[in-house]
Amino acid sequence: MNKNTDLGLLILRISVGALMLFHGIAKLSGVSFIEGMLEGKGLPSFLAYGVYITEIVAPILILIGYRTRLASLAFIFGLLFATALVHSADIFSLNQNGGWELELIGLFLLGALCLFFTGSGKYAASTTNNWD
């Protein structure tokens, strides 16, 4: 069987980008709840608007394959920030089915990490830049 790494990278990009984009679209109605969490932790509330970069802009760039490595880096940063802000108590927890409590975040994080190291592949909007 022939390997088709580029097709696999396209599928990974679509999976990571499209599924996170749903989370970002849900936040288009506002981020006041994130602002409240940030203020409660002593952080400036304007950081809440970073969610639009990490959950809308970065996933779109990942989807189309433009500066995928850079977009994946921003995406990873957003996931780590959200984990530290909201889910830090769940890092070592299991859910009611015996799975890791943060498995969705973990899958997003590891998928983005793979894209950071591999790049977008040849089925992408841009393939010649180091950040692709």
N, C-alpha and C. Protein backbone atom coordinates (compact mmCIF):
# COMPACT_ATOMS: atom_id res chain seq x y z
N MET A 1 0.84 -1.18 0.00
CA MET A 1 0.00 0.00 0.00
C MET A 1 0.89 1.24 0.00
N ASN A 2 0.53 2.21 -0.81
CA ASN A 2 1.29 3.46 -0.89
C ASN A 2 0.92 4.38 0.26
N LYS A 3 1.93 5.05 0.76
CA LYS A 3 1.69 6.06 1.79
C LYS A 3 1.21 7.34 1.11
N ASN A 4 0.28 8.01 1.75
CA ASN A 4 -0.13 9.32 1.27
C ASN A 4 -0.15 10.26 2.47
N THR A 5 1.03 10.66 2.88
CA THR A 5 1.18 11.52 4.04
C THR A 5 0.45 12.84 3.86
N ASP A 6 0.49 13.39 2.64
CA ASP A 6 -0.16 14.68 2.41
C ASP A 6 -1.67 14.60 2.59
N LEU A 7 -2.27 13.50 2.18
CA LEU A 7 -3.71 13.32 2.39
C LEU A 7 -4.01 13.18 3.88
N GLY A 8 -3.16 12.46 4.60
CA GLY A 8 -3.31 12.34 6.05
C GLY A 8 -3.22 13.68 6.76
N LEU A 9 -2.29 14.53 6.31
CA LEU A 9 -2.16 15.86 6.90
C LEU A 9 -3.38 16.72 6.58
N LEU A 10 -3.92 16.57 5.39
CA LEU A 10 -5.15 17.30 5.04
C LEU A 10 -6.30 16.89 5.95
N ILE A 11 -6.45 15.59 6.17
CA ILE A 11 -7.51 15.10 7.05
C ILE A 11 -7.30 15.60 8.47
N LEU A 12 -6.07 15.60 8.94
CA LEU A 12 -5.76 16.12 10.28
C LEU A 12 -6.08 17.61 10.37
N ARG A 13 -5.70 18.36 9.34
CA ARG A 13 -5.99 19.80 9.33
C ARG A 13 -7.49 20.06 9.35
N ILE A 14 -8.24 19.32 8.57
CA ILE A 14 -9.69 19.51 8.53
C ILE A 14 -10.30 19.14 9.89
N SER A 15 -9.84 18.06 10.47
CA SER A 15 -10.38 17.62 11.77
C SER A 15 -10.11 18.64 12.86
N VAL A 16 -8.86 19.03 13.01
CA VAL A 16 -8.49 19.96 14.08
C VAL A 16 -9.12 21.33 13.83
N GLY A 17 -9.01 21.83 12.61
CA GLY A 17 -9.50 23.17 12.30
C GLY A 17 -11.01 23.29 12.37
N ALA A 18 -11.71 22.37 11.73
CA ALA A 18 -13.18 22.47 11.68
C ALA A 18 -13.81 22.25 13.05
N LEU A 19 -13.33 21.27 13.78
CA LEU A 19 -13.94 21.00 15.08
C LEU A 19 -13.70 22.13 16.08
N MET A 20 -12.54 22.77 16.05
CA MET A 20 -12.32 23.89 16.95
C MET A 20 -13.07 25.13 16.48
N LEU A 21 -13.27 25.25 15.19
CA LEU A 21 -13.99 26.41 14.67
C LEU A 21 -15.41 26.49 15.24
N PHE A 22 -16.03 25.35 15.50
CA PHE A 22 -17.35 25.35 16.12
C PHE A 22 -17.31 26.01 17.50
N HIS A 23 -16.25 25.74 18.26
CA HIS A 23 -16.09 26.37 19.58
C HIS A 23 -15.93 27.89 19.43
N GLY A 24 -15.18 28.31 18.42
CA GLY A 24 -14.98 29.73 18.20
C GLY A 24 -16.24 30.43 17.75
N ILE A 25 -17.00 29.81 16.86
CA ILE A 25 -18.24 30.41 16.37
C ILE A 25 -19.22 30.60 17.52
N ALA A 26 -19.24 29.67 18.45
CA ALA A 26 -20.13 29.78 19.61
C ALA A 26 -19.78 31.00 20.46
N LYS A 27 -18.53 31.45 20.38
CA LYS A 27 -18.11 32.60 21.19
C LYS A 27 -18.31 33.93 20.47
N LEU A 28 -18.83 33.91 19.25
CA LEU A 28 -19.10 35.16 18.55
C LEU A 28 -20.19 35.99 19.23
N SER A 29 -21.01 35.34 20.04
CA SER A 29 -22.06 36.06 20.77
C SER A 29 -21.49 36.87 21.94
N GLY A 30 -20.24 36.63 22.29
CA GLY A 30 -19.61 37.40 23.35
C GLY A 30 -18.68 36.56 24.20
N VAL A 31 -17.77 37.24 24.85
CA VAL A 31 -16.79 36.55 25.70
C VAL A 31 -16.81 37.08 27.13
N SER A 32 -17.95 37.61 27.54
CA SER A 32 -18.03 38.19 28.88
C SER A 32 -17.76 37.15 29.97
N PHE A 33 -18.16 35.91 29.75
CA PHE A 33 -17.90 34.88 30.75
C PHE A 33 -16.40 34.61 30.88
N ILE A 34 -15.66 34.74 29.78
CA ILE A 34 -14.21 34.58 29.84
C ILE A 34 -13.58 35.78 30.53
N GLU A 35 -14.11 36.98 30.25
CA GLU A 35 -13.61 38.17 30.92
C GLU A 35 -13.76 38.05 32.43
N GLY A 36 -14.89 37.52 32.87
CA GLY A 36 -15.12 37.32 34.30
C GLY A 36 -14.13 36.36 34.92
N MET A 37 -13.83 35.27 34.21
CA MET A 37 -12.85 34.30 34.71
C MET A 37 -11.47 34.92 34.82
N LEU A 38 -11.11 35.70 33.81
CA LEU A 38 -9.80 36.35 33.82
C LEU A 38 -9.68 37.33 34.97
N GLU A 39 -10.71 38.15 35.15
CA GLU A 39 -10.69 39.12 36.25
C GLU A 39 -10.62 38.42 37.60
N GLY A 40 -11.31 37.28 37.71
CA GLY A 40 -11.27 36.50 38.95
C GLY A 40 -9.88 35.95 39.26
N LYS A 41 -9.08 35.76 38.22
CA LYS A 41 -7.70 35.27 38.40
C LYS A 41 -6.69 36.41 38.47
N GLY A 42 -7.20 37.66 38.43
CA GLY A 42 -6.31 38.80 38.51
C GLY A 42 -5.65 39.17 37.19
N LEU A 43 -6.20 38.69 36.08
CA LEU A 43 -5.65 38.98 34.76
C LEU A 43 -6.51 40.03 34.05
N PRO A 44 -5.93 40.78 33.13
CA PRO A 44 -6.72 41.80 32.42
C PRO A 44 -7.79 41.16 31.54
N SER A 45 -8.97 41.76 31.55
CA SER A 45 -10.11 41.17 30.84
C SER A 45 -9.96 41.21 29.33
N PHE A 46 -9.14 42.12 28.79
CA PHE A 46 -8.99 42.20 27.33
C PHE A 46 -8.37 40.93 26.74
N LEU A 47 -7.71 40.13 27.58
CA LEU A 47 -7.14 38.87 27.09
C LEU A 47 -8.21 37.92 26.57
N ALA A 48 -9.45 38.13 26.97
CA ALA A 48 -10.55 37.27 26.52
C ALA A 48 -10.71 37.32 25.01
N TYR A 49 -10.34 38.42 24.40
CA TYR A 49 -10.48 38.54 22.95
C TYR A 49 -9.46 37.70 22.19
N GLY A 50 -8.46 37.19 22.87
CA GLY A 50 -7.52 36.26 22.27
C GLY A 50 -8.19 34.97 21.83
N VAL A 51 -9.35 34.68 22.41
CA VAL A 51 -10.08 33.48 22.02
C VAL A 51 -10.46 33.53 20.54
N TYR A 52 -10.66 34.73 20.01
CA TYR A 52 -11.01 34.84 18.59
C TYR A 52 -9.83 34.47 17.70
N ILE A 53 -8.62 34.74 18.18
CA ILE A 53 -7.43 34.35 17.42
C ILE A 53 -7.24 32.85 17.50
N THR A 54 -7.35 32.30 18.71
CA THR A 54 -7.03 30.88 18.90
C THR A 54 -8.17 29.94 18.51
N GLU A 55 -9.41 30.43 18.46
CA GLU A 55 -10.51 29.53 18.14
C GLU A 55 -11.22 29.86 16.83
N ILE A 56 -10.85 30.96 16.17
CA ILE A 56 -11.44 31.27 14.88
C ILE A 56 -10.36 31.47 13.82
N VAL A 57 -9.46 32.43 14.04
CA VAL A 57 -8.45 32.74 13.03
C VAL A 57 -7.50 31.55 12.82
N ALA A 58 -6.91 31.04 13.90
CA ALA A 58 -5.97 29.92 13.78
C ALA A 58 -6.62 28.69 13.15
N PRO A 59 -7.83 28.27 13.56
CA PRO A 59 -8.44 27.12 12.90
C PRO A 59 -8.72 27.34 11.40
N ILE A 60 -9.10 28.57 11.03
CA ILE A 60 -9.32 28.84 9.60
C ILE A 60 -8.00 28.71 8.83
N LEU A 61 -6.94 29.26 9.38
CA LEU A 61 -5.63 29.15 8.74
C LEU A 61 -5.18 27.69 8.65
N ILE A 62 -5.44 26.92 9.69
CA ILE A 62 -5.11 25.49 9.68
C ILE A 62 -5.93 24.78 8.61
N LEU A 63 -7.21 25.08 8.55
CA LEU A 63 -8.09 24.45 7.55
C LEU A 63 -7.61 24.67 6.12
N ILE A 64 -7.30 25.92 5.80
CA ILE A 64 -6.90 26.22 4.41
C ILE A 64 -5.43 25.91 4.14
N GLY A 65 -4.67 25.70 5.20
CA GLY A 65 -3.27 25.36 5.03
C GLY A 65 -2.41 26.57 4.72
N TYR A 66 -2.65 27.66 5.39
CA TYR A 66 -1.85 28.86 5.21
C TYR A 66 -1.14 29.17 6.52
N ARG A 67 0.16 29.15 6.51
CA ARG A 67 0.98 29.36 7.71
C ARG A 67 0.53 28.41 8.83
N THR A 68 0.40 27.15 8.46
CA THR A 68 -0.13 26.14 9.38
C THR A 68 0.70 26.00 10.64
N ARG A 69 1.99 26.05 10.51
CA ARG A 69 2.83 25.90 11.71
C ARG A 69 2.64 27.06 12.67
N LEU A 70 2.58 28.25 12.15
CA LEU A 70 2.37 29.44 12.98
C LEU A 70 0.97 29.41 13.61
N ALA A 71 -0.04 29.05 12.81
CA ALA A 71 -1.41 28.95 13.32
C ALA A 71 -1.51 27.86 14.39
N SER A 72 -0.81 26.76 14.18
CA SER A 72 -0.82 25.67 15.17
C SER A 72 -0.18 26.12 16.47
N LEU A 73 0.87 26.92 16.37
CA LEU A 73 1.52 27.44 17.57
C LEU A 73 0.58 28.34 18.36
N ALA A 74 -0.15 29.21 17.67
CA ALA A 74 -1.14 30.07 18.34
C ALA A 74 -2.24 29.22 18.96
N PHE A 75 -2.67 28.21 18.24
CA PHE A 75 -3.71 27.29 18.69
C PHE A 75 -3.27 26.56 19.96
N ILE A 76 -2.04 26.06 19.95
CA ILE A 76 -1.48 25.36 21.12
C ILE A 76 -1.43 26.31 22.32
N PHE A 77 -0.97 27.53 22.10
CA PHE A 77 -0.90 28.51 23.18
C PHE A 77 -2.29 28.74 23.77
N GLY A 78 -3.30 28.87 22.93
CA GLY A 78 -4.68 29.06 23.41
C GLY A 78 -5.18 27.88 24.21
N LEU A 79 -4.86 26.68 23.76
CA LEU A 79 -5.28 25.47 24.49
C LEU A 79 -4.60 25.39 25.85
N LEU A 80 -3.32 25.70 25.89
CA LEU A 80 -2.61 25.67 27.17
C LEU A 80 -3.13 26.75 28.11
N PHE A 81 -3.43 27.92 27.58
CA PHE A 81 -3.98 29.01 28.39
C PHE A 81 -5.35 28.62 28.95
N ALA A 82 -6.21 28.04 28.10
CA ALA A 82 -7.54 27.62 28.55
C ALA A 82 -7.44 26.51 29.59
N THR A 83 -6.50 25.61 29.40
CA THR A 83 -6.30 24.53 30.38
C THR A 83 -5.87 25.10 31.72
N ALA A 84 -4.93 26.02 31.70
CA ALA A 84 -4.46 26.62 32.95
C ALA A 84 -5.55 27.46 33.61
N LEU A 85 -6.35 28.15 32.82
CA LEU A 85 -7.35 29.06 33.36
C LEU A 85 -8.58 28.32 33.89
N VAL A 86 -9.05 27.33 33.13
CA VAL A 86 -10.34 26.71 33.44
C VAL A 86 -10.23 25.26 33.90
N HIS A 87 -9.31 24.52 33.33
CA HIS A 87 -9.31 23.06 33.53
C HIS A 87 -8.13 22.53 34.34
N SER A 88 -7.42 23.38 35.04
CA SER A 88 -6.22 22.91 35.75
C SER A 88 -6.54 21.86 36.81
N ALA A 89 -7.71 21.92 37.40
CA ALA A 89 -8.09 20.94 38.42
C ALA A 89 -8.39 19.57 37.82
N ASP A 90 -8.61 19.53 36.50
CA ASP A 90 -8.99 18.28 35.84
C ASP A 90 -7.83 17.56 35.15
N ILE A 91 -6.63 18.10 35.24
CA ILE A 91 -5.50 17.52 34.49
C ILE A 91 -5.27 16.06 34.87
N PHE A 92 -5.43 15.72 36.12
CA PHE A 92 -5.18 14.35 36.56
C PHE A 92 -6.48 13.62 36.91
N SER A 93 -7.59 14.02 36.28
CA SER A 93 -8.90 13.44 36.59
C SER A 93 -9.40 12.56 35.45
N LEU A 94 -10.21 11.60 35.83
CA LEU A 94 -10.89 10.74 34.86
C LEU A 94 -12.37 11.09 34.85
N ASN A 95 -13.01 10.90 33.70
CA ASN A 95 -14.46 11.15 33.63
C ASN A 95 -15.23 9.92 34.09
N GLN A 96 -16.56 9.97 34.03
CA GLN A 96 -17.38 8.86 34.54
C GLN A 96 -17.23 7.58 33.72
N ASN A 97 -16.67 7.69 32.51
CA ASN A 97 -16.46 6.51 31.67
C ASN A 97 -15.04 5.96 31.76
N GLY A 98 -14.23 6.56 32.60
CA GLY A 98 -12.86 6.09 32.79
C GLY A 98 -11.85 6.75 31.86
N GLY A 99 -12.30 7.65 31.00
CA GLY A 99 -11.38 8.37 30.11
C GLY A 99 -10.82 9.59 30.80
N TRP A 100 -9.80 10.16 30.21
CA TRP A 100 -9.19 11.36 30.76
C TRP A 100 -10.18 12.51 30.64
N GLU A 101 -10.32 13.28 31.68
CA GLU A 101 -11.27 14.39 31.72
C GLU A 101 -10.99 15.41 30.61
N LEU A 102 -9.73 15.56 30.26
CA LEU A 102 -9.34 16.56 29.25
C LEU A 102 -8.99 15.93 27.91
N GLU A 103 -9.62 14.81 27.58
CA GLU A 103 -9.21 14.11 26.36
C GLU A 103 -9.46 14.92 25.10
N LEU A 104 -10.52 15.70 25.05
CA LEU A 104 -10.77 16.52 23.86
C LEU A 104 -9.69 17.58 23.70
N ILE A 105 -9.36 18.25 24.78
CA ILE A 105 -8.28 19.24 24.74
C ILE A 105 -6.97 18.54 24.38
N GLY A 106 -6.75 17.37 24.94
CA GLY A 106 -5.53 16.61 24.63
C GLY A 106 -5.43 16.25 23.16
N LEU A 107 -6.53 15.81 22.57
CA LEU A 107 -6.52 15.49 21.14
C LEU A 107 -6.27 16.71 20.29
N PHE A 108 -6.92 17.83 20.62
CA PHE A 108 -6.67 19.07 19.90
C PHE A 108 -5.20 19.48 20.02
N LEU A 109 -4.68 19.42 21.23
CA LEU A 109 -3.30 19.82 21.49
C LEU A 109 -2.31 18.95 20.73
N LEU A 110 -2.48 17.65 20.79
CA LEU A 110 -1.56 16.75 20.11
C LEU A 110 -1.69 16.84 18.59
N GLY A 111 -2.91 17.04 18.09
CA GLY A 111 -3.10 17.23 16.65
C GLY A 111 -2.41 18.50 16.17
N ALA A 112 -2.56 19.58 16.93
CA ALA A 112 -1.90 20.84 16.57
C ALA A 112 -0.38 20.71 16.68
N LEU A 113 0.08 19.95 17.67
CA LEU A 113 1.51 19.73 17.82
C LEU A 113 2.07 18.96 16.62
N CYS A 114 1.33 17.96 16.15
CA CYS A 114 1.74 17.23 14.94
C CYS A 114 1.85 18.18 13.75
N LEU A 115 0.85 19.05 13.59
CA LEU A 115 0.87 19.99 12.47
C LEU A 115 2.00 21.00 12.61
N PHE A 116 2.34 21.38 13.83
CA PHE A 116 3.46 22.29 14.04
C PHE A 116 4.76 21.65 13.53
N PHE A 117 4.95 20.37 13.80
CA PHE A 117 6.19 19.71 13.39
C PHE A 117 6.20 19.28 11.93
N THR A 118 5.05 18.95 11.37
CA THR A 118 5.01 18.45 10.00
C THR A 118 4.73 19.53 8.97
N GLY A 119 3.99 20.55 9.34
CA GLY A 119 3.54 21.52 8.35
C GLY A 119 2.24 21.05 7.72
N SER A 120 1.80 21.75 6.70
CA SER A 120 0.47 21.52 6.15
C SER A 120 0.40 20.43 5.10
N GLY A 121 1.51 20.04 4.52
CA GLY A 121 1.47 19.09 3.42
C GLY A 121 1.24 19.80 2.10
N LYS A 122 1.16 19.03 1.02
CA LYS A 122 1.06 19.67 -0.30
C LYS A 122 -0.35 20.11 -0.67
N TYR A 123 -1.38 19.59 0.01
CA TYR A 123 -2.75 20.01 -0.27
C TYR A 123 -3.11 21.20 0.62
N ALA A 124 -2.50 22.33 0.33
CA ALA A 124 -2.67 23.51 1.18
C ALA A 124 -2.62 24.76 0.33
N ALA A 125 -3.11 25.85 0.88
CA ALA A 125 -3.11 27.13 0.18
C ALA A 125 -1.69 27.64 -0.06
N SER A 126 -0.79 27.33 0.83
CA SER A 126 0.60 27.76 0.71
C SER A 126 1.50 26.64 1.19
N THR A 127 2.55 26.38 0.43
CA THR A 127 3.44 25.28 0.79
C THR A 127 4.92 25.65 0.76
N THR A 128 5.25 26.89 0.44
CA THR A 128 6.65 27.23 0.22
C THR A 128 7.31 27.94 1.39
N ASN A 129 6.55 28.49 2.31
CA ASN A 129 7.11 29.23 3.43
C ASN A 129 7.47 28.27 4.56
N ASN A 130 8.47 28.62 5.36
CA ASN A 130 8.85 27.76 6.50
C ASN A 130 7.73 27.58 7.50
N TRP A 131 6.81 28.56 7.58
CA TRP A 131 5.70 28.48 8.53
C TRP A 131 4.50 27.71 7.97
N ASP A 132 4.64 27.16 6.75
CA ASP A 132 3.57 26.35 6.17
C ASP A 132 3.73 24.93 6.62
